[in-house]
Amino acid sequence: MPSIEHRTKALTVNPLKASQPLGGSLATLGFCRAMPLLHGSQGCTAFGKVYFVRHFNEPIPLQSSAVDKTSAIMGADENIEQALHTICTKNSPSLITVLTTGLTETAGTDIERLVKDFRRNNPELAATTTIVPVNTADFTGSLESGYAATLTAILDATLPNTAFARTRPGKSSRRVNLLLSSSLTPGDVEELLELISAFGLEPVAIPDLSASLDGHLEACEFDPLTTAGTAVESLDECGNAAATIVIGSSLYAAADLLTNRTGVPDIRFDHIMGMQQTDRLIMALREISGRAVPRKIQRQRQQFQDALLDTHLVLGQSRIGMAGEADLLAGLSNLVSSVGMEIVSLVAPDDNARGLEGIAASTVKIGDLEDLELASRENGAEIIVGSGHAAATAERLGIPIVQHGYPIWERLGLHTRSRVGYRGSRDLLFDLANALLEHREHHPALKPYRSVFKHPEAEPS
């Protein structure tokens, strides 16, 4: 386990952390016909909407309880009542998550009581819409913890006990529950679903961002809700699955809930990057399915091995800095360490994240992008990995950047690319190597040699 350097500054410079309500919204967007409702000011929701619209280049369903200066002081209970009633009557969603913000958390809002009162006063609406309250204060945690808390709350509200639901582990012998953390892009989710399906299994991603935020044109012109994703009704059948695969240590609490509620055994992974963890996943799928490893997956493994050979002269002993959420850093650090790269600076936003234990680095700094910049400059980093916010950091350092994480605003389509499994890991190594090669070509470390005996060129008369 790496040593943790806690925050010592009295302020944040060039922020790295994204808020918990953003993470809660992201988890909700992976469910079909869902709507995140932020209990706070309209500005809080507007920021979150712009944040995701620019990242995914897609319309994002997001609503606000519109707390203003008066209701913030006198009480905003009626705002929740009106917002929920409006959304339920106009849009008929399958799922609404009510997410608190820094404003309402500071005011001491009892969000669970408000939702309970709404259910009691509107039984006909509560019967058709699952409403899940979640405490997601801006001033604590990060996107990753907000995502995990929201997914845990959704499972807690929707998963029936085995005895009540009459489910039995293994009854659906081909079904596999797939709990996925915020570190996985829609492209990652799609890659994992294809990988599991290759063994003849039927994976159910919880949540499924590959269906809702992969970037596709719908037949209808506009829908105020998510048009695809995991169906809330499908969670009733989680107890019949043969196994649950959990990816991301931030979701281990959700995994405990799922296992205790259904009795379905789970297999846990901190990440699916690099040879070791991908091999472990493939062996688990072989055991669950009872089938041999498909030929195309064996081929992908051979391609990844070849990529390791192709890139080792470029990546070996190169100095790298990285910043992001703990689950993402755990995968990235283990992958780059396996090819001989030296991690000289590594910054995470939250010191309570469980994934910090799995990071393959000697030290993890809890801080912001200024900390990444200072450590990278001091230790001579040659490349950094981070979100689009770190692009300016790389420019000031004069080194290349490979963008990954949230948000990425100045590049198109990166959320559809995969960085997991054999193929995703291979592509990431190629991206790192190509970024270094291109930079070294235009910024050579050594100046061209000029002989002292060379005659100066004659100047034109």
Protein backbone atom coordinates (compact mmCIF):
# COMPACT_ATOMS: atom_id res chain seq x y z
CA MET A 1 0.00 0.00 0.00
CA PRO A 2 1.39 3.43 -0.90
CA SER A 3 1.97 6.14 1.67
CA ILE A 4 -0.66 8.88 1.62
CA GLU A 5 0.36 12.55 1.67
CA HIS A 6 -2.68 14.42 2.94
CA ARG A 7 -3.69 17.88 1.86
CA THR A 8 -1.78 20.67 3.58
CA LYS A 9 -2.91 23.73 1.60
CA ALA A 10 -5.70 25.94 2.86
CA LEU A 11 -7.15 26.28 -0.63
CA THR A 12 -7.54 24.40 -3.91
CA VAL A 13 -5.64 25.63 -6.95
CA ASN A 14 -6.65 24.27 -10.36
CA PRO A 15 -9.19 21.74 -9.01
CA LEU A 16 -8.99 18.04 -9.75
CA LYS A 17 -12.03 16.87 -7.80
CA ALA A 18 -15.54 16.67 -9.24
CA SER A 19 -18.46 16.73 -6.83
CA GLN A 20 -20.56 13.89 -5.43
CA PRO A 21 -23.80 15.07 -7.11
CA LEU A 22 -22.07 14.68 -10.47
CA GLY A 23 -21.15 11.10 -9.58
CA GLY A 24 -24.68 10.39 -8.41
CA SER A 25 -26.07 11.80 -11.65
CA LEU A 26 -23.68 9.66 -13.70
CA ALA A 27 -24.79 6.48 -11.91
CA THR A 28 -28.44 7.37 -12.52
CA LEU A 29 -27.86 8.00 -16.22
CA GLY A 30 -26.91 4.34 -16.64
CA PHE A 31 -30.52 3.24 -16.00
CA CYS A 32 -33.35 3.24 -18.53
CA ARG A 33 -36.02 5.97 -18.24
CA ALA A 34 -34.23 7.59 -15.33
CA MET A 35 -33.95 11.17 -14.10
CA PRO A 36 -31.46 12.62 -11.60
CA LEU A 37 -33.00 15.39 -9.47
CA LEU A 38 -30.54 17.70 -7.71
CA HIS A 39 -31.97 19.28 -4.57
CA GLY A 40 -30.26 22.65 -4.71
CA SER A 41 -30.06 25.85 -6.68
CA GLN A 42 -30.59 25.96 -10.43
CA GLY A 43 -26.94 26.91 -10.88
CA CYS A 44 -25.77 23.62 -9.34
CA THR A 45 -27.84 21.66 -11.85
CA ALA A 46 -26.88 23.89 -14.77
CA PHE A 47 -23.19 23.30 -14.04
CA GLY A 48 -23.68 19.53 -13.91
CA LYS A 49 -25.68 19.56 -17.13
CA VAL A 50 -23.03 21.54 -19.01
CA TYR A 51 -20.30 19.32 -17.50
CA PHE A 52 -21.80 16.14 -18.96
CA VAL A 53 -23.13 17.65 -22.19
CA ARG A 54 -19.64 18.85 -23.12
CA HIS A 55 -18.06 15.54 -22.12
CA PHE A 56 -20.48 13.19 -23.92
CA ASN A 57 -21.76 15.61 -26.59
CA GLU A 58 -25.25 14.27 -25.90
CA PRO A 59 -28.43 15.72 -24.35
CA ILE A 60 -28.38 14.98 -20.62
CA PRO A 61 -31.57 14.64 -18.55
CA LEU A 62 -31.06 16.51 -15.28
CA GLN A 63 -33.59 18.37 -13.13
CA SER A 64 -33.40 20.78 -10.20
CA SER A 65 -35.61 21.54 -7.21
CA ALA A 66 -34.71 25.22 -7.81
CA VAL A 67 -33.90 26.26 -4.25
CA ASP A 68 -33.62 30.06 -4.14
CA LYS A 69 -32.36 32.44 -1.44
CA THR A 70 -35.73 32.53 0.32
CA SER A 71 -36.43 28.80 0.39
CA ALA A 72 -32.83 28.11 1.40
CA ILE A 73 -33.51 29.99 4.64
CA MET A 74 -37.20 29.34 5.24
CA GLY A 75 -37.14 25.71 4.11
CA ALA A 76 -37.25 24.01 0.71
CA ASP A 77 -39.45 21.02 1.52
CA GLU A 78 -42.15 22.18 -0.89
CA ASN A 79 -39.61 22.39 -3.70
CA ILE A 80 -38.99 18.65 -3.51
CA GLU A 81 -42.72 17.90 -3.39
CA GLN A 82 -43.40 20.04 -6.45
CA ALA A 83 -40.36 18.81 -8.40
CA LEU A 84 -41.16 15.13 -7.85
CA HIS A 85 -44.83 15.63 -8.68
CA THR A 86 -43.99 17.48 -11.90
CA ILE A 87 -41.45 14.91 -13.10
CA CYS A 88 -43.70 11.94 -12.28
CA THR A 89 -46.83 13.36 -13.92
CA LYS A 90 -45.17 14.79 -17.03
CA ASN A 91 -42.48 12.19 -17.79
CA SER A 92 -43.48 8.95 -15.95
CA PRO A 93 -39.89 7.84 -15.25
CA SER A 94 -38.96 4.42 -13.93
CA LEU A 95 -36.34 5.87 -11.59
CA ILE A 96 -35.69 9.22 -9.92
CA THR A 97 -32.67 9.78 -7.70
CA VAL A 98 -32.97 12.77 -5.37
CA LEU A 99 -29.43 14.01 -4.80
CA THR A 100 -28.55 16.61 -2.19
CA THR A 101 -26.02 19.39 -2.84
CA GLY A 102 -23.80 21.47 -0.60
CA LEU A 103 -26.56 24.05 -0.14
CA THR A 104 -29.22 21.64 1.13
CA GLU A 105 -26.76 19.54 3.13
CA THR A 106 -25.59 22.66 4.95
CA ALA A 107 -29.22 23.54 5.66
CA GLY A 108 -29.66 20.11 7.23
CA THR A 109 -32.31 18.79 4.84
CA ASP A 110 -33.71 15.38 5.81
CA ILE A 111 -33.99 14.08 2.26
CA GLU A 112 -35.17 10.61 3.27
CA ARG A 113 -38.11 12.05 5.22
CA LEU A 114 -39.10 14.27 2.29
CA VAL A 115 -39.16 11.34 -0.12
CA LYS A 116 -41.06 9.20 2.40
CA ASP A 117 -43.66 11.96 2.78
CA PHE A 118 -44.04 12.21 -1.00
CA ARG A 119 -44.60 8.47 -1.29
CA ARG A 120 -47.23 8.59 1.44
CA ASN A 121 -49.04 11.58 -0.08
CA ASN A 122 -48.82 10.31 -3.68
CA PRO A 123 -49.18 6.51 -3.59
CA GLU A 124 -50.33 6.28 -7.22
CA LEU A 125 -47.13 8.00 -8.43
CA ALA A 126 -44.85 6.11 -6.05
CA ALA A 127 -46.29 2.83 -7.31
CA THR A 128 -44.95 3.38 -10.84
CA THR A 129 -41.72 5.28 -10.11
CA THR A 130 -38.83 4.21 -7.89
CA ILE A 131 -37.66 7.29 -5.97
CA VAL A 132 -34.26 6.99 -4.27
CA PRO A 133 -32.93 9.68 -1.88
CA VAL A 134 -29.14 9.97 -1.60
CA ASN A 135 -26.96 12.27 0.52
CA THR A 136 -24.28 13.62 -1.84
CA ALA A 137 -22.78 16.74 -0.28
CA ASP A 138 -20.46 18.78 -2.51
CA PHE A 139 -18.04 19.53 0.30
CA THR A 140 -17.01 15.94 0.96
CA GLY A 141 -16.05 12.97 -1.19
CA SER A 142 -15.76 13.15 -4.96
CA LEU A 143 -17.42 11.97 -8.17
CA GLU A 144 -16.38 8.39 -7.41
CA SER A 145 -17.88 8.31 -3.91
CA GLY A 146 -21.10 10.01 -5.07
CA TYR A 147 -21.46 7.43 -7.84
CA ALA A 148 -20.87 4.55 -5.41
CA ALA A 149 -23.29 5.93 -2.80
CA THR A 150 -26.01 6.41 -5.39
CA LEU A 151 -25.62 2.95 -6.90
CA THR A 152 -25.70 1.41 -3.42
CA ALA A 153 -28.88 3.34 -2.60
CA ILE A 154 -30.53 2.24 -5.86
CA LEU A 155 -29.73 -1.40 -5.15
CA ASP A 156 -30.97 -1.04 -1.58
CA ALA A 157 -34.27 0.40 -2.80
CA THR A 158 -34.88 -2.06 -5.63
CA LEU A 159 -33.32 -5.40 -4.68
CA PRO A 160 -35.85 -7.72 -3.03
CA ASN A 161 -34.82 -10.35 -0.50
CA THR A 162 -34.35 -13.82 -1.95
CA ALA A 163 -37.25 -15.28 0.04
CA PHE A 164 -39.64 -12.52 -1.03
CA ALA A 165 -38.60 -12.54 -4.70
CA ARG A 166 -38.40 -16.36 -4.85
CA THR A 167 -35.02 -16.18 -6.55
CA ARG A 168 -32.28 -18.73 -6.27
CA PRO A 169 -28.57 -18.23 -7.08
CA GLY A 170 -27.77 -20.04 -10.32
CA LYS A 171 -31.40 -20.43 -11.41
CA SER A 172 -30.49 -18.41 -14.52
CA SER A 173 -27.23 -20.24 -15.11
CA ARG A 174 -26.12 -17.97 -17.97
CA ARG A 175 -26.85 -14.63 -16.27
CA VAL A 176 -23.97 -12.64 -14.78
CA ASN A 177 -24.49 -9.45 -12.78
CA LEU A 178 -21.85 -6.83 -13.59
CA LEU A 179 -21.31 -4.04 -11.03
CA LEU A 180 -19.31 -1.28 -12.74
CA SER A 181 -17.55 1.69 -11.14
CA SER A 182 -17.30 5.28 -12.34
CA SER A 183 -13.80 4.65 -13.72
CA LEU A 184 -15.28 2.78 -16.70
CA THR A 185 -16.29 4.66 -19.85
CA PRO A 186 -19.19 3.63 -22.10
CA GLY A 187 -16.53 2.11 -24.36
CA ASP A 188 -15.14 0.11 -21.44
CA VAL A 189 -18.60 -1.21 -20.56
CA GLU A 190 -19.22 -2.24 -24.16
CA GLU A 191 -15.89 -4.07 -24.28
CA LEU A 192 -16.66 -5.96 -21.05
CA LEU A 193 -20.13 -6.95 -22.26
CA GLU A 194 -18.66 -8.33 -25.49
CA LEU A 195 -15.97 -10.18 -23.55
CA ILE A 196 -18.47 -11.87 -21.24
CA SER A 197 -20.93 -12.62 -24.06
CA ALA A 198 -18.16 -14.43 -25.94
CA PHE A 199 -18.42 -17.19 -23.31
CA GLY A 200 -22.13 -17.67 -23.99
CA LEU A 201 -23.10 -15.78 -20.83
CA GLU A 202 -25.76 -13.09 -20.47
CA PRO A 203 -24.24 -10.09 -18.68
CA VAL A 204 -26.40 -7.40 -17.08
CA ALA A 205 -24.39 -4.22 -16.51
CA ILE A 206 -25.36 -2.21 -13.42
CA PRO A 207 -25.41 0.57 -14.52
CA ASP A 208 -25.08 0.32 -18.31
CA LEU A 209 -23.53 3.51 -19.66
CA SER A 210 -22.73 1.76 -22.95
CA ALA A 211 -26.43 1.77 -23.83
CA SER A 212 -27.36 5.25 -22.62
CA LEU A 213 -24.27 7.41 -23.22
CA ASP A 214 -22.41 5.70 -26.07
CA GLY A 215 -23.48 8.34 -28.59
CA HIS A 216 -26.22 7.11 -30.91
CA LEU A 217 -29.16 8.64 -32.77
CA GLU A 218 -32.61 7.69 -31.52
CA ALA A 219 -35.66 7.30 -33.72
CA CYS A 220 -37.57 9.82 -31.60
CA GLU A 221 -36.60 13.48 -31.80
CA PHE A 222 -36.55 14.13 -28.05
CA ASP A 223 -37.08 12.29 -24.80
CA PRO A 224 -36.73 14.01 -21.41
CA LEU A 225 -35.49 10.76 -19.82
CA THR A 226 -32.65 8.35 -20.55
CA THR A 227 -33.70 6.22 -23.51
CA ALA A 228 -31.57 3.17 -22.74
CA GLY A 229 -29.57 1.57 -19.97
CA THR A 230 -30.26 -1.02 -17.30
CA ALA A 231 -33.98 -1.60 -16.79
CA VAL A 232 -34.94 -1.10 -13.15
CA GLU A 233 -37.22 -4.13 -13.40
CA SER A 234 -34.26 -6.35 -14.33
CA LEU A 235 -32.80 -5.84 -10.85
CA ASP A 236 -35.55 -8.12 -9.51
CA GLU A 237 -33.78 -11.03 -11.21
CA CYS A 238 -30.31 -10.35 -9.79
CA GLY A 239 -30.85 -13.15 -7.28
CA ASN A 240 -31.11 -15.74 -10.06
CA ALA A 241 -27.68 -15.00 -11.52
CA ALA A 242 -24.84 -17.50 -11.52
CA ALA A 243 -22.34 -14.90 -10.29
CA THR A 244 -21.69 -11.20 -9.81
CA ILE A 245 -18.54 -9.58 -11.19
CA VAL A 246 -17.57 -6.38 -9.38
CA ILE A 247 -15.11 -3.96 -11.00
CA GLY A 248 -13.82 -1.12 -8.84
CA SER A 249 -13.07 -1.19 -5.13
CA SER A 250 -15.34 1.83 -4.62
CA LEU A 251 -18.29 -0.52 -5.20
CA TYR A 252 -17.39 -3.13 -2.60
CA ALA A 253 -20.08 -1.80 -0.23
CA ALA A 254 -22.64 -2.17 -3.03
CA ALA A 255 -21.28 -5.66 -3.69
CA ASP A 256 -21.72 -6.59 -0.03
CA LEU A 257 -25.34 -5.44 -0.19
CA LEU A 258 -26.02 -7.41 -3.37
CA THR A 259 -24.43 -10.58 -2.00
CA ASN A 260 -26.19 -10.36 1.37
CA ARG A 261 -29.56 -9.61 -0.23
CA THR A 262 -29.44 -12.30 -2.96
CA GLY A 263 -26.86 -14.88 -1.91
CA VAL A 264 -25.23 -14.75 -5.36
CA PRO A 265 -21.43 -15.21 -5.05
CA ASP A 266 -19.27 -12.39 -6.34
CA ILE A 267 -15.80 -12.04 -7.85
CA ARG A 268 -14.11 -8.70 -7.19
CA PHE A 269 -11.58 -6.78 -9.26
CA ASP A 270 -9.96 -3.46 -8.44
CA HIS A 271 -9.61 -2.89 -12.19
CA ILE A 272 -9.35 -4.72 -15.53
CA MET A 273 -6.16 -3.21 -16.93
CA GLY A 274 -3.04 -5.13 -17.86
CA MET A 275 -2.26 -8.80 -18.30
CA GLN A 276 -2.69 -10.08 -14.75
CA GLN A 277 -6.18 -8.77 -14.00
CA THR A 278 -7.50 -9.53 -17.48
CA ASP A 279 -6.18 -13.09 -17.23
CA ARG A 280 -7.94 -13.42 -13.88
CA LEU A 281 -11.22 -12.23 -15.40
CA ILE A 282 -10.94 -14.64 -18.32
CA MET A 283 -10.28 -17.58 -16.00
CA ALA A 284 -13.30 -16.60 -13.90
CA LEU A 285 -15.51 -16.46 -16.99
CA ARG A 286 -14.22 -19.84 -18.13
CA GLU A 287 -15.15 -21.34 -14.76
CA ILE A 288 -18.61 -19.73 -14.67
CA SER A 289 -19.49 -20.73 -18.23
CA GLY A 290 -17.80 -24.12 -18.30
CA ARG A 291 -16.47 -23.29 -21.77
CA ALA A 292 -12.99 -23.00 -23.20
CA VAL A 293 -11.55 -19.55 -23.84
CA PRO A 294 -12.74 -18.42 -27.30
CA ARG A 295 -10.13 -18.22 -30.01
CA LYS A 296 -10.66 -14.49 -30.59
CA ILE A 297 -9.84 -13.74 -26.95
CA GLN A 298 -6.69 -15.84 -27.15
CA ARG A 299 -5.79 -13.78 -30.22
CA GLN A 300 -6.36 -10.53 -28.32
CA ARG A 301 -4.01 -11.74 -25.61
CA GLN A 302 -1.32 -12.46 -28.19
CA GLN A 303 -1.81 -8.99 -29.67
CA PHE A 304 -1.37 -7.45 -26.23
CA GLN A 305 1.83 -9.44 -25.72
CA ASP A 306 3.13 -8.12 -29.03
CA ALA A 307 2.25 -4.57 -27.97
CA LEU A 308 4.30 -5.05 -24.80
CA LEU A 309 7.29 -5.93 -26.96
CA ASP A 310 6.68 -3.09 -29.42
CA THR A 311 6.43 -0.37 -26.77
CA HIS A 312 8.94 -1.42 -24.12
CA LEU A 313 11.88 0.50 -25.62
CA VAL A 314 9.82 3.71 -25.64
CA LEU A 315 7.95 3.32 -22.35
CA GLY A 316 10.57 1.56 -20.26
CA GLN A 317 12.08 3.91 -17.63
CA SER A 318 10.00 6.83 -18.92
CA ARG A 319 8.79 9.11 -16.13
CA ILE A 320 5.05 9.60 -15.88
CA GLY A 321 2.68 11.67 -13.75
CA MET A 322 -1.04 11.01 -13.37
CA ALA A 323 -4.10 12.42 -11.67
CA GLY A 324 -7.62 11.08 -11.26
CA GLU A 325 -10.03 9.11 -9.09
CA ALA A 326 -8.67 6.21 -7.04
CA ASP A 327 -10.24 3.36 -9.05
CA LEU A 328 -8.87 4.80 -12.28
CA LEU A 329 -5.42 5.39 -10.80
CA ALA A 330 -5.28 1.81 -9.51
CA GLY A 331 -5.67 0.47 -13.03
CA LEU A 332 -3.43 3.01 -14.75
CA SER A 333 -0.62 2.72 -12.22
CA ASN A 334 -0.53 -1.06 -12.37
CA LEU A 335 -0.52 -1.04 -16.18
CA VAL A 336 2.28 1.50 -16.62
CA SER A 337 4.35 -0.10 -13.84
CA SER A 338 4.10 -3.45 -15.60
CA VAL A 339 5.89 -2.00 -18.65
CA GLY A 340 8.66 -0.36 -16.62
CA MET A 341 7.44 3.23 -16.49
CA GLU A 342 8.43 5.23 -13.41
CA ILE A 343 5.57 7.02 -11.64
CA VAL A 344 7.06 10.29 -10.38
CA SER A 345 3.85 12.10 -9.45
CA LEU A 346 0.41 10.75 -8.61
CA VAL A 347 -2.46 12.85 -7.29
CA ALA A 348 -5.93 11.77 -6.14
CA PRO A 349 -8.78 14.04 -4.98
CA ASP A 350 -10.16 12.09 -1.99
CA ASP A 351 -8.17 10.57 0.88
CA ASN A 352 -11.08 8.34 1.97
CA ALA A 353 -11.22 6.38 -1.29
CA ARG A 354 -10.81 2.64 -0.83
CA GLY A 355 -9.03 2.27 -4.16
CA LEU A 356 -5.93 4.09 -2.89
CA GLU A 357 -4.76 0.79 -1.39
CA GLY A 358 -4.43 -0.79 -4.84
CA ILE A 359 -2.34 1.95 -6.47
CA ALA A 360 1.07 0.76 -7.66
CA ALA A 361 3.10 3.76 -6.50
CA SER A 362 5.20 4.58 -3.48
CA THR A 363 3.33 7.79 -2.68
CA VAL A 364 -0.12 9.19 -3.39
CA LYS A 365 -0.66 12.92 -2.96
CA ILE A 366 -4.16 14.06 -2.01
CA GLY A 367 -4.53 17.38 -3.74
CA ASP A 368 -5.20 19.21 -6.99
CA LEU A 369 -3.67 19.75 -10.40
CA GLU A 370 -1.24 22.32 -9.00
CA ASP A 371 0.24 19.53 -6.88
CA LEU A 372 0.53 17.39 -10.01
CA GLU A 373 2.30 20.20 -11.85
CA LEU A 374 4.77 20.94 -9.06
CA ALA A 375 5.67 17.28 -8.48
CA SER A 376 5.94 16.56 -12.21
CA ARG A 377 8.26 19.52 -12.76
CA GLU A 378 10.40 18.67 -9.73
CA ASN A 379 10.77 15.00 -10.67
CA GLY A 380 11.16 15.45 -14.42
CA ALA A 381 7.97 13.82 -15.70
CA GLU A 382 8.02 13.16 -19.45
CA ILE A 383 4.28 12.55 -19.90
CA ILE A 384 1.12 12.85 -17.84
CA VAL A 385 -2.26 11.12 -17.83
CA GLY A 386 -5.28 13.06 -16.65
CA SER A 387 -8.58 14.66 -17.56
CA GLY A 388 -9.00 17.52 -19.99
CA HIS A 389 -8.40 19.94 -17.11
CA ALA A 390 -4.79 18.70 -16.99
CA ALA A 391 -4.11 19.70 -20.60
CA ALA A 392 -3.05 23.20 -19.55
CA THR A 393 -0.77 21.63 -16.93
CA ALA A 394 0.95 19.55 -19.61
CA GLU A 395 1.30 22.62 -21.83
CA ARG A 396 3.03 24.60 -19.09
CA LEU A 397 5.33 21.66 -18.38
CA GLY A 398 6.10 21.26 -22.08
CA ILE A 399 5.25 17.55 -22.10
CA PRO A 400 2.53 15.47 -23.81
CA ILE A 401 -0.71 14.32 -22.17
CA VAL A 402 -2.95 11.30 -22.72
CA GLN A 403 -6.42 12.37 -21.64
CA HIS A 404 -8.55 10.00 -19.57
CA GLY A 405 -11.21 10.51 -16.92
CA TYR A 406 -13.76 13.28 -16.32
CA PRO A 407 -14.13 15.73 -17.93
CA ILE A 408 -12.69 15.76 -21.46
CA TRP A 409 -14.02 18.76 -23.34
CA GLU A 410 -11.49 19.46 -26.10
CA ARG A 411 -11.42 16.00 -27.68
CA LEU A 412 -14.25 14.10 -29.37
CA GLY A 413 -15.18 10.48 -28.86
CA LEU A 414 -12.72 9.55 -26.11
CA HIS A 415 -15.59 8.33 -23.93
CA THR A 416 -16.33 5.66 -26.55
CA ARG A 417 -12.81 4.22 -26.42
CA SER A 418 -11.93 1.27 -24.21
CA ARG A 419 -8.94 1.10 -21.87
CA VAL A 420 -9.76 -2.27 -20.28
CA GLY A 421 -9.09 -5.88 -21.21
CA TYR A 422 -6.41 -6.99 -23.63
CA ARG A 423 -7.47 -4.65 -26.44
CA GLY A 424 -8.01 -1.59 -24.27
CA SER A 425 -4.70 -2.04 -22.46
CA ARG A 426 -2.91 -2.50 -25.78
CA ASP A 427 -4.42 0.68 -27.22
CA LEU A 428 -3.50 2.69 -24.12
CA LEU A 429 0.13 1.55 -24.33
CA PHE A 430 0.23 2.57 -27.99
CA ASP A 431 -1.25 5.99 -27.14
CA LEU A 432 1.37 6.56 -24.44
CA ALA A 433 4.23 5.44 -26.69
CA ASN A 434 3.04 7.48 -29.67
CA ALA A 435 2.63 10.60 -27.54
CA LEU A 436 6.21 10.24 -26.30
CA LEU A 437 7.58 9.52 -29.79
CA GLU A 438 5.84 12.52 -31.30
CA HIS A 439 7.06 14.80 -28.53
CA ARG A 440 10.64 13.56 -28.78
CA GLU A 441 10.61 14.05 -32.54
CA HIS A 442 9.66 17.71 -32.21
CA HIS A 443 11.59 18.35 -28.99
CA PRO A 444 14.83 16.35 -29.24
CA ALA A 445 16.77 15.94 -26.01
CA LEU A 446 20.10 16.50 -27.79
CA LYS A 447 20.86 19.28 -30.23
CA PRO A 448 22.32 18.27 -33.61
CA TYR A 449 26.13 17.96 -33.50
CA ARG A 450 28.03 20.62 -35.42
CA SER A 451 31.76 20.14 -35.95
CA VAL A 452 34.01 22.96 -34.83
CA PHE A 453 35.97 22.45 -38.06
CA LYS A 454 32.99 23.09 -40.30
CA HIS A 455 33.48 26.21 -42.43
CA PRO A 456 30.78 28.83 -42.07
CA GLU A 457 28.60 29.15 -45.13
CA ALA A 458 29.47 32.05 -47.36
CA GLU A 459 27.06 34.89 -46.99
CA PRO A 460 25.39 36.00 -50.23
CA SER A 461 26.81 39.22 -51.62
